[in-house]
Amino acid sequence: MSNDVLTVQNVSKTFLPTIIALESASLGVKAGEVHCLLGANGAGKSTLLKIIAGAFRPTEGRLVLEGRPVELRNPAEASRLGISMIYQELDLVPQLTVEQNLFLGHAPGKFGLINRKDRRKRASEALKRVGANFTPDVRVETLSVANQQLTAIARSLTMDAKIIIMDEPSASLNETELKSVFEVIRDLVKHGVAIVYVSHRLGELREIGDRVTVLRGGRTIGTYEIADTSDEALVTAIIGKERSLVERKERKPVTGEVALHVNRLRGAEGLDITGLEVRWGEVVGLTGLNGSGRTSFLKALFGAHHFEGEIMLDDERFHPRHSADAIRRGLGLVPENRKTEGLILHAPIYKNATLPSMRESWLTRHSFQKQRTIPVLKSLSTKYGKPEQAVVQLSGGNQQKVVLAKWIINGARVLLLDEPSRGLDIGAKADLYDLVDKLAEDGAAVIVASSELEELYAACDAIWVFHEGRNIGRYDPFVTDRDTILRATILGEHHV
């Protein structure tokens, strides 16, 4: 008899009319283990997680919880049975206090009256257990992303969760913050809690995980002991064929004229960028710790943040007052948060993909918009049903591709990519950077901001290190080793 606290047995999920998201997928999770879940975009990870969390009901198959078959009709029922899910985009209420968020929907009390003293006591205990250094009465919107993550974990503890699902918890955390979350996870598993952990970072999984289950095409490929399985074997399982991680390629020397010259750019929160140039046909990376100013810089260039300074674009003065100015001058921004800033989630895919290019032609035929959309989505290896499908139905990685597609269709000459690979699997990351390389070869100027130095090192002609709002050093990855760049990132000192 299995000693799994949770067993997923041959679960399938079909979305009408013919989209098969899962096909006889299985998973076994033991109490007191960190069980990792890997798979390419569209492999079925999100669907499987939502079935476990009660958000979806399976078409076939069953769930067994602590030896008993269960039918989860909604997330509240899953929560009552001890299953808690922490989404990548945290589902906290920013305007409420931490204490209110911890007990939202399950506050202690009787006859509809909340026992505030008991709630406060239990909130303090949960926060202490996750090592939080903030009080229960602070408003969530004032917390850092890392502390919001701890709040979400603490909320799971107030529900007496036996199984906590963490969907890409490291996506918005720096290395120090992630280590703190890992300490909390280790403490939870010591007390018998099972963690289902989703991430695309193999090094991260090796640090925190015990076993890993790989999904591909909606099916379970296998479950592996992480310590006994090589990266190459996991990559092969994920994508179904030999495919390396993003590797540095031989790149042609950049010979184009200067496309964008930032002589000086000063903005909010100490942003002060000087002497940054990008040439036509060049890919320039921006690296730095969270809060280093990369996102603020890109948004300023795109006209979304006010700034003062002197910028030249194609030898002409450039100072966008709003995003429409930047778009007219040929800029396109792929934002860090695609769902709130890059997409109209409930609009069709083709509408999202052609939104900038159709901004002055609202009467353009739908058929023409689809004709422009389909080839670009195909070139990006986007997985979707039909162009009329609402973009909210796509996986996170495929949503990101739609965001990128709209600027390709619009003919943007300067592309600003903010964490473009976040939420993408290994194969999709390789596709993304192949596309970036092709765009540069076709003459575009590309700036890529990423917390993944390995990716920048592989894909960029030059890398700028940002630290506390300043660009402190430019490095040539052909002649500079990664440790030098990493040292500059951490210490905020330029090393040659």
Protein backbone atom coordinates (compact mmCIF):
# COMPACT_ATOMS: atom_id res chain seq x y z
CA MET A 1 0.00 0.00 0.00
CA SER A 2 1.32 3.46 -0.92
CA ASN A 3 2.44 5.73 1.92
CA ASP A 4 1.78 8.84 -0.18
CA VAL A 5 -0.17 11.62 1.51
CA LEU A 6 -1.48 12.49 -1.96
CA THR A 7 -1.85 10.25 -4.98
CA VAL A 8 -3.02 11.45 -8.40
CA GLN A 9 -4.15 8.39 -10.35
CA ASN A 10 -4.45 8.48 -14.17
CA VAL A 11 -6.03 11.93 -14.23
CA SER A 12 -7.17 13.41 -17.56
CA LYS A 13 -8.64 16.81 -18.30
CA THR A 14 -10.25 17.83 -21.58
CA PHE A 15 -11.44 21.35 -22.34
CA LEU A 16 -14.18 21.52 -24.92
CA PRO A 17 -14.13 21.12 -27.79
CA THR A 18 -10.88 19.19 -28.28
CA ILE A 19 -8.10 20.56 -26.11
CA ILE A 20 -6.52 17.76 -24.05
CA ALA A 21 -4.59 19.37 -21.20
CA LEU A 22 -3.88 16.16 -19.24
CA GLU A 23 -3.90 12.53 -20.33
CA SER A 24 -3.61 9.80 -17.69
CA ALA A 25 -1.22 11.85 -15.55
CA SER A 26 -0.12 10.42 -12.21
CA LEU A 27 1.73 11.82 -9.21
CA GLY A 28 2.57 10.59 -5.72
CA VAL A 29 3.60 12.95 -2.91
CA LYS A 30 4.89 11.76 0.46
CA ALA A 31 4.46 13.53 3.77
CA GLY A 32 7.57 15.51 4.74
CA GLU A 33 9.08 15.77 1.25
CA VAL A 34 9.62 18.51 -1.31
CA HIS A 35 8.25 17.04 -4.52
CA CYS A 36 9.16 19.12 -7.57
CA LEU A 37 7.13 19.36 -10.77
CA LEU A 38 8.81 20.02 -14.12
CA GLY A 39 7.46 20.34 -17.63
CA ALA A 40 7.46 22.50 -20.74
CA ASN A 41 4.83 25.16 -21.37
CA GLY A 42 1.59 23.38 -22.19
CA ALA A 43 2.80 20.16 -20.54
CA GLY A 44 -0.13 20.26 -18.13
CA LYS A 45 1.51 21.53 -14.93
CA SER A 46 -0.97 24.34 -14.29
CA THR A 47 -3.94 22.10 -15.03
CA LEU A 48 -2.65 19.38 -12.68
CA LEU A 49 -2.02 21.89 -9.89
CA LYS A 50 -5.49 23.37 -10.26
CA ILE A 51 -7.06 19.91 -10.08
CA ILE A 52 -5.14 19.18 -6.86
CA ALA A 53 -6.19 22.59 -5.49
CA GLY A 54 -9.86 22.04 -6.39
CA ALA A 55 -10.07 24.77 -9.05
CA PHE A 56 -10.64 22.20 -11.86
CA ARG A 57 -12.43 18.86 -11.75
CA PRO A 58 -10.79 16.01 -13.69
CA THR A 59 -12.51 14.52 -16.73
CA GLU A 60 -11.16 11.09 -15.74
CA GLY A 61 -9.07 9.60 -12.93
CA ARG A 62 -9.11 10.30 -9.21
CA LEU A 63 -7.29 11.85 -6.28
CA VAL A 64 -6.48 9.88 -3.14
CA LEU A 65 -5.75 11.89 0.02
CA GLU A 66 -4.28 10.01 2.97
CA GLY A 67 -5.55 6.73 1.56
CA ARG A 68 -9.12 7.92 0.84
CA PRO A 69 -10.48 8.87 -2.61
CA VAL A 70 -11.68 12.49 -2.66
CA GLU A 71 -13.69 14.62 -5.09
CA LEU A 72 -12.74 18.26 -4.78
CA ARG A 73 -15.54 20.52 -5.99
CA ASN A 74 -13.85 23.83 -5.26
CA PRO A 75 -10.70 25.34 -3.65
CA ALA A 76 -12.49 25.89 -0.32
CA GLU A 77 -13.13 22.16 -0.06
CA ALA A 78 -9.50 21.39 -0.89
CA SER A 79 -8.43 23.87 1.80
CA ARG A 80 -10.65 22.19 4.40
CA LEU A 81 -8.95 18.89 3.59
CA GLY A 82 -5.48 20.41 4.09
CA ILE A 83 -4.44 21.39 0.54
CA SER A 84 -3.22 24.95 0.06
CA MET A 85 -1.91 26.56 -3.15
CA ILE A 86 0.38 29.58 -3.33
CA TYR A 87 0.16 31.03 -6.82
CA GLN A 88 3.06 32.69 -8.63
CA GLU A 89 1.07 35.94 -8.70
CA LEU A 90 0.10 35.93 -5.04
CA ASP A 91 -3.65 36.04 -4.37
CA LEU A 92 -3.39 38.36 -1.37
CA VAL A 93 -5.59 41.44 -0.86
CA PRO A 94 -3.09 44.35 -0.83
CA GLN A 95 -5.36 46.80 1.01
CA LEU A 96 -5.94 44.45 3.98
CA THR A 97 -3.55 43.78 6.84
CA VAL A 98 -1.41 40.68 7.06
CA GLU A 99 -3.62 39.37 9.86
CA GLN A 100 -6.80 39.83 7.80
CA ASN A 101 -5.20 38.08 4.82
CA LEU A 102 -4.02 35.15 6.93
CA PHE A 103 -7.58 34.32 7.98
CA LEU A 104 -9.55 35.53 4.97
CA GLY A 105 -12.49 33.13 4.67
CA HIS A 106 -11.66 31.11 7.79
CA ALA A 107 -11.43 33.59 10.66
CA PRO A 108 -11.86 32.15 14.18
CA GLY A 109 -15.14 33.01 15.87
CA LYS A 110 -18.78 32.03 16.39
CA PHE A 111 -22.13 33.07 14.98
CA GLY A 112 -20.49 35.28 12.37
CA LEU A 113 -18.47 37.25 14.94
CA ILE A 114 -14.68 37.22 14.61
CA ASN A 115 -12.63 36.44 17.71
CA ARG A 116 -10.02 39.15 17.13
CA LYS A 117 -7.88 38.19 20.12
CA ASP A 118 -7.63 34.57 18.93
CA ARG A 119 -6.99 35.72 15.35
CA ARG A 120 -4.18 38.00 16.48
CA LYS A 121 -2.57 35.27 18.57
CA ARG A 122 -2.71 32.70 15.77
CA ALA A 123 -1.47 35.22 13.21
CA SER A 124 1.54 36.06 15.37
CA GLU A 125 2.31 32.35 15.81
CA ALA A 126 2.11 31.70 12.04
CA LEU A 127 4.37 34.67 11.24
CA LYS A 128 6.88 33.59 13.88
CA ARG A 129 6.97 30.10 12.38
CA VAL A 130 7.93 31.46 8.94
CA GLY A 131 10.54 33.77 10.42
CA ALA A 132 8.73 36.99 9.47
CA ASN A 133 10.15 40.26 10.81
CA PHE A 134 6.93 42.25 10.35
CA THR A 135 3.80 42.51 12.48
CA PRO A 136 0.29 41.19 11.77
CA ASP A 137 -1.20 44.68 11.51
CA VAL A 138 0.96 45.90 8.60
CA ARG A 139 -0.86 46.30 5.27
CA VAL A 140 0.19 43.75 2.65
CA GLU A 141 0.71 46.41 -0.05
CA THR A 142 3.58 47.88 2.02
CA LEU A 143 5.51 44.59 2.10
CA SER A 144 8.28 43.50 -0.24
CA VAL A 145 7.53 40.64 -2.61
CA ALA A 146 9.58 38.31 -0.40
CA ASN A 147 7.56 39.22 2.69
CA GLN A 148 4.32 38.81 0.75
CA GLN A 149 5.57 35.32 -0.13
CA LEU A 150 6.10 34.60 3.58
CA THR A 151 2.59 35.90 4.27
CA ALA A 152 1.16 33.45 1.74
CA ILE A 153 3.06 30.57 3.37
CA ALA A 154 1.89 31.67 6.82
CA ARG A 155 -1.69 31.69 5.55
CA SER A 156 -1.28 28.04 4.54
CA LEU A 157 -0.19 27.28 8.11
CA THR A 158 -3.33 28.91 9.54
CA MET A 159 -5.32 26.44 7.44
CA ASP A 160 -3.40 23.48 8.96
CA ALA A 161 -2.25 22.54 5.46
CA LYS A 162 -0.88 19.04 4.99
CA ILE A 163 0.11 19.81 1.38
CA ILE A 164 1.35 23.21 0.20
CA ILE A 165 1.68 23.82 -3.54
CA MET A 166 4.20 26.51 -4.49
CA ASP A 167 4.00 27.70 -8.10
CA GLU A 168 7.30 29.36 -9.11
CA PRO A 169 7.91 30.88 -5.65
CA SER A 170 11.38 32.14 -6.62
CA ALA A 171 10.24 34.11 -9.67
CA SER A 172 10.27 37.49 -7.87
CA LEU A 173 12.87 36.80 -5.18
CA ASN A 174 16.56 37.57 -5.04
CA GLU A 175 19.07 35.02 -3.76
CA THR A 176 18.96 36.16 -0.13
CA GLU A 177 15.16 36.21 -0.05
CA LEU A 178 15.00 32.77 -1.65
CA LYS A 179 17.30 31.31 1.00
CA SER A 180 14.91 32.59 3.67
CA VAL A 181 11.97 30.90 1.94
CA PHE A 182 14.00 27.69 1.65
CA GLU A 183 14.62 27.74 5.41
CA VAL A 184 10.87 27.96 5.96
CA ILE A 185 10.28 25.06 3.55
CA ARG A 186 12.85 22.90 5.34
CA ASP A 187 11.17 23.60 8.67
CA LEU A 188 7.76 22.69 7.24
CA VAL A 189 8.89 19.32 5.88
CA LYS A 190 10.52 18.52 9.25
CA HIS A 191 7.03 18.79 10.70
CA GLY A 192 5.58 16.43 8.09
CA VAL A 193 4.14 18.96 5.64
CA ALA A 194 4.39 17.93 1.98
CA ILE A 195 5.53 20.60 -0.49
CA VAL A 196 4.76 20.44 -4.21
CA TYR A 197 7.31 22.83 -5.71
CA VAL A 198 7.20 24.13 -9.28
CA SER A 199 10.24 25.80 -10.82
CA HIS A 200 12.23 25.77 -14.06
CA ARG A 201 15.56 26.38 -12.31
CA LEU A 202 17.31 23.04 -12.00
CA GLY A 203 19.91 24.29 -9.54
CA GLU A 204 17.14 25.53 -7.30
CA LEU A 205 15.37 22.16 -7.39
CA ARG A 206 18.59 20.40 -6.47
CA GLU A 207 18.99 22.62 -3.42
CA ILE A 208 15.48 22.17 -2.04
CA GLY A 209 13.90 19.10 -3.68
CA ASP A 210 13.79 15.40 -2.85
CA ARG A 211 12.03 13.99 -5.92
CA VAL A 212 10.85 15.41 -9.23
CA THR A 213 8.01 14.39 -11.53
CA VAL A 214 8.25 15.41 -15.19
CA LEU A 215 5.18 16.09 -17.34
CA ARG A 216 5.27 16.23 -21.13
CA GLY A 217 2.29 16.61 -23.44
CA GLY A 218 -0.12 16.15 -20.55
CA ARG A 219 1.41 12.82 -19.54
CA THR A 220 3.66 11.79 -16.67
CA ILE A 221 7.07 10.90 -18.10
CA GLY A 222 8.51 9.73 -14.80
CA THR A 223 9.41 10.48 -11.19
CA TYR A 224 13.10 10.73 -10.32
CA GLU A 225 15.29 11.06 -7.25
CA ILE A 226 16.83 14.48 -7.81
CA ALA A 227 20.19 13.60 -6.26
CA ASP A 228 20.58 10.62 -8.60
CA THR A 229 19.48 12.28 -11.86
CA SER A 230 21.66 14.48 -14.08
CA ASP A 231 20.57 17.79 -15.58
CA GLU A 232 20.90 16.25 -19.04
CA ALA A 233 18.51 13.45 -18.14
CA LEU A 234 15.95 15.91 -16.76
CA VAL A 235 16.22 18.14 -19.82
CA THR A 236 15.70 15.14 -22.09
CA ALA A 237 12.65 14.10 -20.06
CA ILE A 238 11.20 17.61 -20.21
CA ILE A 239 11.52 18.22 -23.95
CA GLY A 240 11.64 14.70 -25.29
CA LYS A 241 14.89 15.06 -27.17
CA GLU A 242 18.46 16.10 -26.55
CA ARG A 243 18.51 19.86 -26.18
CA SER A 244 21.03 21.84 -24.25
CA LEU A 245 20.39 24.69 -21.90
CA VAL A 246 20.87 28.16 -23.36
CA GLU A 247 24.50 28.21 -24.50
CA ARG A 248 26.74 31.01 -25.68
CA LYS A 249 26.87 31.14 -29.45
CA GLU A 250 29.39 32.66 -31.76
CA ARG A 251 28.03 36.11 -32.55
CA LYS A 252 28.99 38.37 -35.41
CA PRO A 253 30.68 41.63 -34.43
CA VAL A 254 28.18 44.44 -34.03
CA THR A 255 28.82 46.99 -36.76
CA GLY A 256 25.63 49.06 -36.67
CA GLU A 257 25.50 52.74 -35.78
CA VAL A 258 24.38 53.81 -32.32
CA ALA A 259 20.61 53.38 -32.09
CA LEU A 260 20.01 54.61 -28.54
CA HIS A 261 22.35 56.78 -26.49
CA VAL A 262 21.45 57.54 -22.88
CA ASN A 263 23.70 60.42 -21.95
CA ARG A 264 21.87 60.95 -18.64
CA LEU A 265 18.58 59.66 -17.27
CA ARG A 266 17.41 60.54 -13.78
CA GLY A 267 14.20 59.17 -12.34
CA ALA A 268 12.35 58.24 -9.18
CA GLU A 269 13.85 56.06 -6.44
CA GLY A 270 17.42 57.15 -7.16
CA LEU A 271 17.54 56.10 -10.82
CA ASP A 272 20.64 57.69 -12.39
CA ILE A 273 21.84 56.13 -15.65
CA THR A 274 24.72 57.60 -17.65
CA GLY A 275 26.61 56.72 -20.83
CA LEU A 276 24.57 53.69 -21.87
CA GLU A 277 24.54 52.92 -25.61
CA VAL A 278 22.87 50.29 -27.77
CA ARG A 279 23.68 49.83 -31.46
CA TRP A 280 21.46 48.60 -34.24
CA GLY A 281 21.85 44.83 -34.33
CA GLU A 282 23.13 44.63 -30.76
CA VAL A 283 21.72 42.72 -27.78
CA VAL A 284 22.54 44.46 -24.50
CA GLY A 285 21.79 42.78 -21.17
CA LEU A 286 20.97 44.44 -17.86
CA THR A 287 21.73 42.49 -14.70
CA GLY A 288 21.44 43.42 -11.04
CA LEU A 289 19.75 42.51 -7.79
CA ASN A 290 16.06 43.18 -7.26
CA GLY A 291 15.55 46.91 -6.83
CA SER A 292 18.65 47.79 -8.84
CA GLY A 293 16.61 49.94 -11.24
CA ARG A 294 16.42 47.77 -14.35
CA THR A 295 12.61 47.78 -14.59
CA SER A 296 12.36 51.50 -13.77
CA PHE A 297 14.90 52.27 -16.50
CA LEU A 298 13.02 50.31 -19.16
CA LYS A 299 9.71 51.88 -18.18
CA ALA A 300 11.27 55.34 -18.37
CA LEU A 301 12.52 54.63 -21.89
CA PHE A 302 9.03 53.44 -22.79
CA GLY A 303 7.43 56.62 -21.49
CA ALA A 304 5.68 54.91 -18.59
CA HIS A 305 7.80 56.61 -15.88
CA HIS A 306 8.70 60.30 -15.70
CA PHE A 307 12.39 61.12 -16.01
CA GLU A 308 14.77 63.99 -16.62
CA GLY A 309 17.80 63.80 -18.86
CA GLU A 310 19.20 63.60 -22.34
CA ILE A 311 18.59 60.64 -24.67
CA MET A 312 19.21 60.33 -28.40
CA LEU A 313 17.35 57.84 -30.58
CA ASP A 314 18.72 57.45 -34.10
CA ASP A 315 20.54 60.81 -33.73
CA GLU A 316 17.35 62.63 -32.70
CA ARG A 317 16.34 63.82 -29.25
CA PHE A 318 14.10 61.34 -27.46
CA HIS A 319 12.02 62.18 -24.39
CA PRO A 320 8.69 60.30 -24.44
CA ARG A 321 5.95 61.85 -22.29
CA HIS A 322 3.86 58.68 -22.46
CA SER A 323 4.03 55.23 -24.01
CA ALA A 324 2.31 56.28 -27.24
CA ASP A 325 5.31 58.59 -27.94
CA ALA A 326 7.72 55.68 -27.51
CA ILE A 327 5.63 53.35 -29.67
CA ARG A 328 5.53 55.93 -32.47
CA ARG A 329 9.33 56.15 -32.32
CA GLY A 330 9.61 52.37 -32.75
CA LEU A 331 9.98 51.09 -29.18
CA GLY A 332 8.25 48.03 -27.77
CA LEU A 333 8.22 46.85 -24.14
CA VAL A 334 7.69 43.29 -22.96
CA PRO A 335 6.89 44.04 -19.29
CA GLU A 336 7.86 41.99 -16.26
CA ASN A 337 4.23 41.39 -15.33
CA ARG A 338 2.56 40.23 -18.52
CA LYS A 339 -0.88 39.71 -16.97
CA THR A 340 -1.41 43.20 -15.59
CA GLU A 341 0.71 45.25 -17.99
CA GLY A 342 1.13 43.30 -21.22
CA LEU A 343 -2.21 41.69 -22.06
CA ILE A 344 -5.98 42.12 -22.11
CA LEU A 345 -6.56 38.71 -20.59
CA HIS A 346 -10.13 38.06 -21.72
CA ALA A 347 -9.62 39.41 -25.26
CA PRO A 348 -8.81 37.03 -28.16
CA ILE A 349 -5.20 36.14 -28.91
CA TYR A 350 -5.25 37.89 -32.29
CA LYS A 351 -6.63 41.10 -30.76
CA ASN A 352 -3.82 41.18 -28.20
CA ALA A 353 -1.19 40.43 -30.83
CA THR A 354 -2.30 43.24 -33.16
CA LEU A 355 -3.28 45.84 -30.57
CA PRO A 356 -0.37 48.30 -31.13
CA SER A 357 -0.39 47.96 -34.93
CA MET A 358 -4.15 48.55 -35.13
CA ARG A 359 -4.31 51.49 -32.71
CA GLU A 360 -5.17 53.92 -35.52
CA SER A 361 -7.25 51.49 -37.60
CA TRP A 362 -10.02 50.18 -35.36
CA LEU A 363 -12.16 49.19 -38.36
CA THR A 364 -9.57 46.76 -39.74
CA ARG A 365 -11.09 43.41 -40.65
CA HIS A 366 -10.72 40.60 -38.14
CA SER A 367 -9.51 38.28 -40.89
CA PHE A 368 -6.61 40.65 -41.66
CA GLN A 369 -5.63 40.79 -37.98
CA LYS A 370 -5.61 36.99 -37.82
CA GLN A 371 -3.51 36.78 -40.99
CA ARG A 372 -0.88 39.00 -39.37
CA THR A 373 -0.99 37.09 -36.09
CA ILE A 374 -0.80 33.42 -37.08
CA PRO A 375 2.65 33.37 -38.81
CA VAL A 376 4.32 35.27 -35.96
CA LEU A 377 2.83 33.00 -33.30
CA LYS A 378 3.99 30.01 -35.33
CA SER A 379 7.53 31.41 -35.52
CA LEU A 380 7.48 31.67 -31.72
CA SER A 381 6.31 28.03 -31.36
CA THR A 382 3.24 29.26 -29.50
CA LYS A 383 0.84 26.56 -28.34
CA TYR A 384 -2.81 27.61 -28.65
CA GLY A 385 -6.11 26.31 -29.99
CA LYS A 386 -7.27 29.05 -32.37
CA PRO A 387 -6.59 32.80 -32.70
CA GLU A 388 -10.07 33.62 -31.36
CA GLN A 389 -9.22 31.90 -28.05
CA ALA A 390 -9.04 34.21 -25.01
CA VAL A 391 -5.40 34.77 -24.09
CA VAL A 392 -6.20 34.05 -20.41
CA GLN A 393 -6.62 30.37 -21.39
CA LEU A 394 -2.97 30.05 -22.44
CA SER A 395 -0.12 28.93 -20.21
CA GLY A 396 2.11 31.64 -18.79
CA GLY A 397 4.89 31.01 -21.28
CA ASN A 398 2.54 31.18 -24.25
CA GLN A 399 1.03 34.40 -22.91
CA GLN A 400 4.56 35.84 -22.89
CA LYS A 401 4.96 34.90 -26.53
CA VAL A 402 1.77 36.78 -27.44
CA VAL A 403 3.20 39.89 -25.72
CA LEU A 404 6.38 39.59 -27.78
CA ALA A 405 4.40 38.89 -30.95
CA LYS A 406 2.53 42.19 -30.77
CA TRP A 407 5.77 44.18 -31.00
CA ILE A 408 7.11 42.04 -33.84
CA ILE A 409 3.87 42.59 -35.73
CA ASN A 410 4.06 46.32 -34.97
CA GLY A 411 7.58 46.48 -36.42
CA ALA A 412 9.33 47.75 -33.29
CA ARG A 413 12.99 48.60 -33.98
CA VAL A 414 14.05 48.95 -30.33
CA LEU A 415 12.85 46.10 -28.11
CA LEU A 416 12.89 46.39 -24.32
CA LEU A 417 12.51 42.96 -22.70
CA ASP A 418 11.98 42.87 -18.92
CA GLU A 419 12.47 39.35 -17.49
CA PRO A 420 11.23 37.87 -20.80
CA SER A 421 11.99 34.25 -19.87
CA ARG A 422 10.22 34.28 -16.51
CA GLY A 423 7.91 31.28 -16.34
CA LEU A 424 9.34 29.69 -19.51
CA ASP A 425 10.71 26.16 -19.61
CA ILE A 426 14.19 25.32 -20.88
CA GLY A 427 13.13 24.70 -24.48
CA ALA A 428 11.02 27.84 -24.64
CA LYS A 429 13.90 29.91 -23.25
CA ALA A 430 16.14 28.62 -26.03
CA ASP A 431 13.44 29.51 -28.59
CA LEU A 432 13.10 32.98 -27.07
CA TYR A 433 16.80 33.78 -27.28
CA ASP A 434 17.03 32.31 -30.79
CA LEU A 435 14.33 34.79 -31.71
CA VAL A 436 16.14 37.65 -29.96
CA ASP A 437 19.26 36.75 -31.93
CA LYS A 438 17.30 36.75 -35.20
CA LEU A 439 15.71 40.13 -34.43
CA ALA A 440 19.17 41.58 -33.79
CA GLU A 441 20.47 40.07 -37.03
CA ASP A 442 17.59 41.79 -38.82
CA GLY A 443 18.81 45.09 -37.40
CA ALA A 444 16.80 45.61 -34.21
CA ALA A 445 18.38 47.07 -31.07
CA VAL A 446 17.49 44.88 -28.09
CA ILE A 447 17.81 45.50 -24.34
CA VAL A 448 17.17 42.48 -22.11
CA ALA A 449 16.80 42.89 -18.34
CA SER A 450 17.03 39.60 -16.49
CA SER A 451 17.89 38.22 -13.06
CA GLU A 452 19.25 35.13 -14.85
CA LEU A 453 22.90 36.03 -15.50
CA GLU A 454 23.49 32.71 -17.26
CA GLU A 455 20.96 33.66 -19.93
CA LEU A 456 22.39 37.13 -20.45
CA TYR A 457 25.88 35.69 -20.63
CA ALA A 458 24.78 33.33 -23.38
CA ALA A 459 22.70 35.74 -25.44
CA CYS A 460 24.15 39.26 -25.18
CA ASP A 461 26.89 41.23 -26.91
CA ALA A 462 27.36 43.36 -23.79
CA ILE A 463 26.11 43.27 -20.20
CA TRP A 464 25.57 46.30 -17.97
CA VAL A 465 25.50 45.81 -14.20
CA PHE A 466 22.88 47.90 -12.38
CA HIS A 467 23.25 48.63 -8.67
CA GLU A 468 20.98 50.83 -6.57
CA GLY A 469 19.70 52.74 -9.59
CA ARG A 470 23.06 53.27 -11.29
CA ASN A 471 24.73 51.48 -14.20
CA ILE A 472 28.12 50.79 -12.64
CA GLY A 473 29.91 48.78 -15.33
CA ARG A 474 29.73 47.44 -18.87
CA TYR A 475 31.18 43.99 -19.57
CA ASP A 476 31.98 42.05 -22.72
CA PRO A 477 30.93 38.42 -22.09
CA PHE A 478 33.45 37.26 -24.69
CA VAL A 479 36.35 38.32 -22.51
CA THR A 480 34.86 38.57 -19.00
CA ASP A 481 34.05 35.55 -16.85
CA ARG A 482 30.70 35.24 -15.08
CA ASP A 483 32.19 35.43 -11.59
CA THR A 484 33.51 38.92 -12.30
CA ILE A 485 30.08 40.13 -13.37
CA LEU A 486 28.40 38.41 -10.42
CA ARG A 487 30.86 40.00 -8.00
CA ALA A 488 30.05 43.44 -9.41
CA THR A 489 26.33 42.70 -9.11
CA ILE A 490 26.58 41.76 -5.45
CA LEU A 491 29.18 44.29 -4.28
CA GLY A 492 28.17 47.21 -6.50
CA GLU A 493 31.78 47.69 -7.61
CA HIS A 494 33.08 47.70 -11.16
CA HIS A 495 35.77 45.07 -11.78
CA VAL A 496 37.65 44.70 -15.05
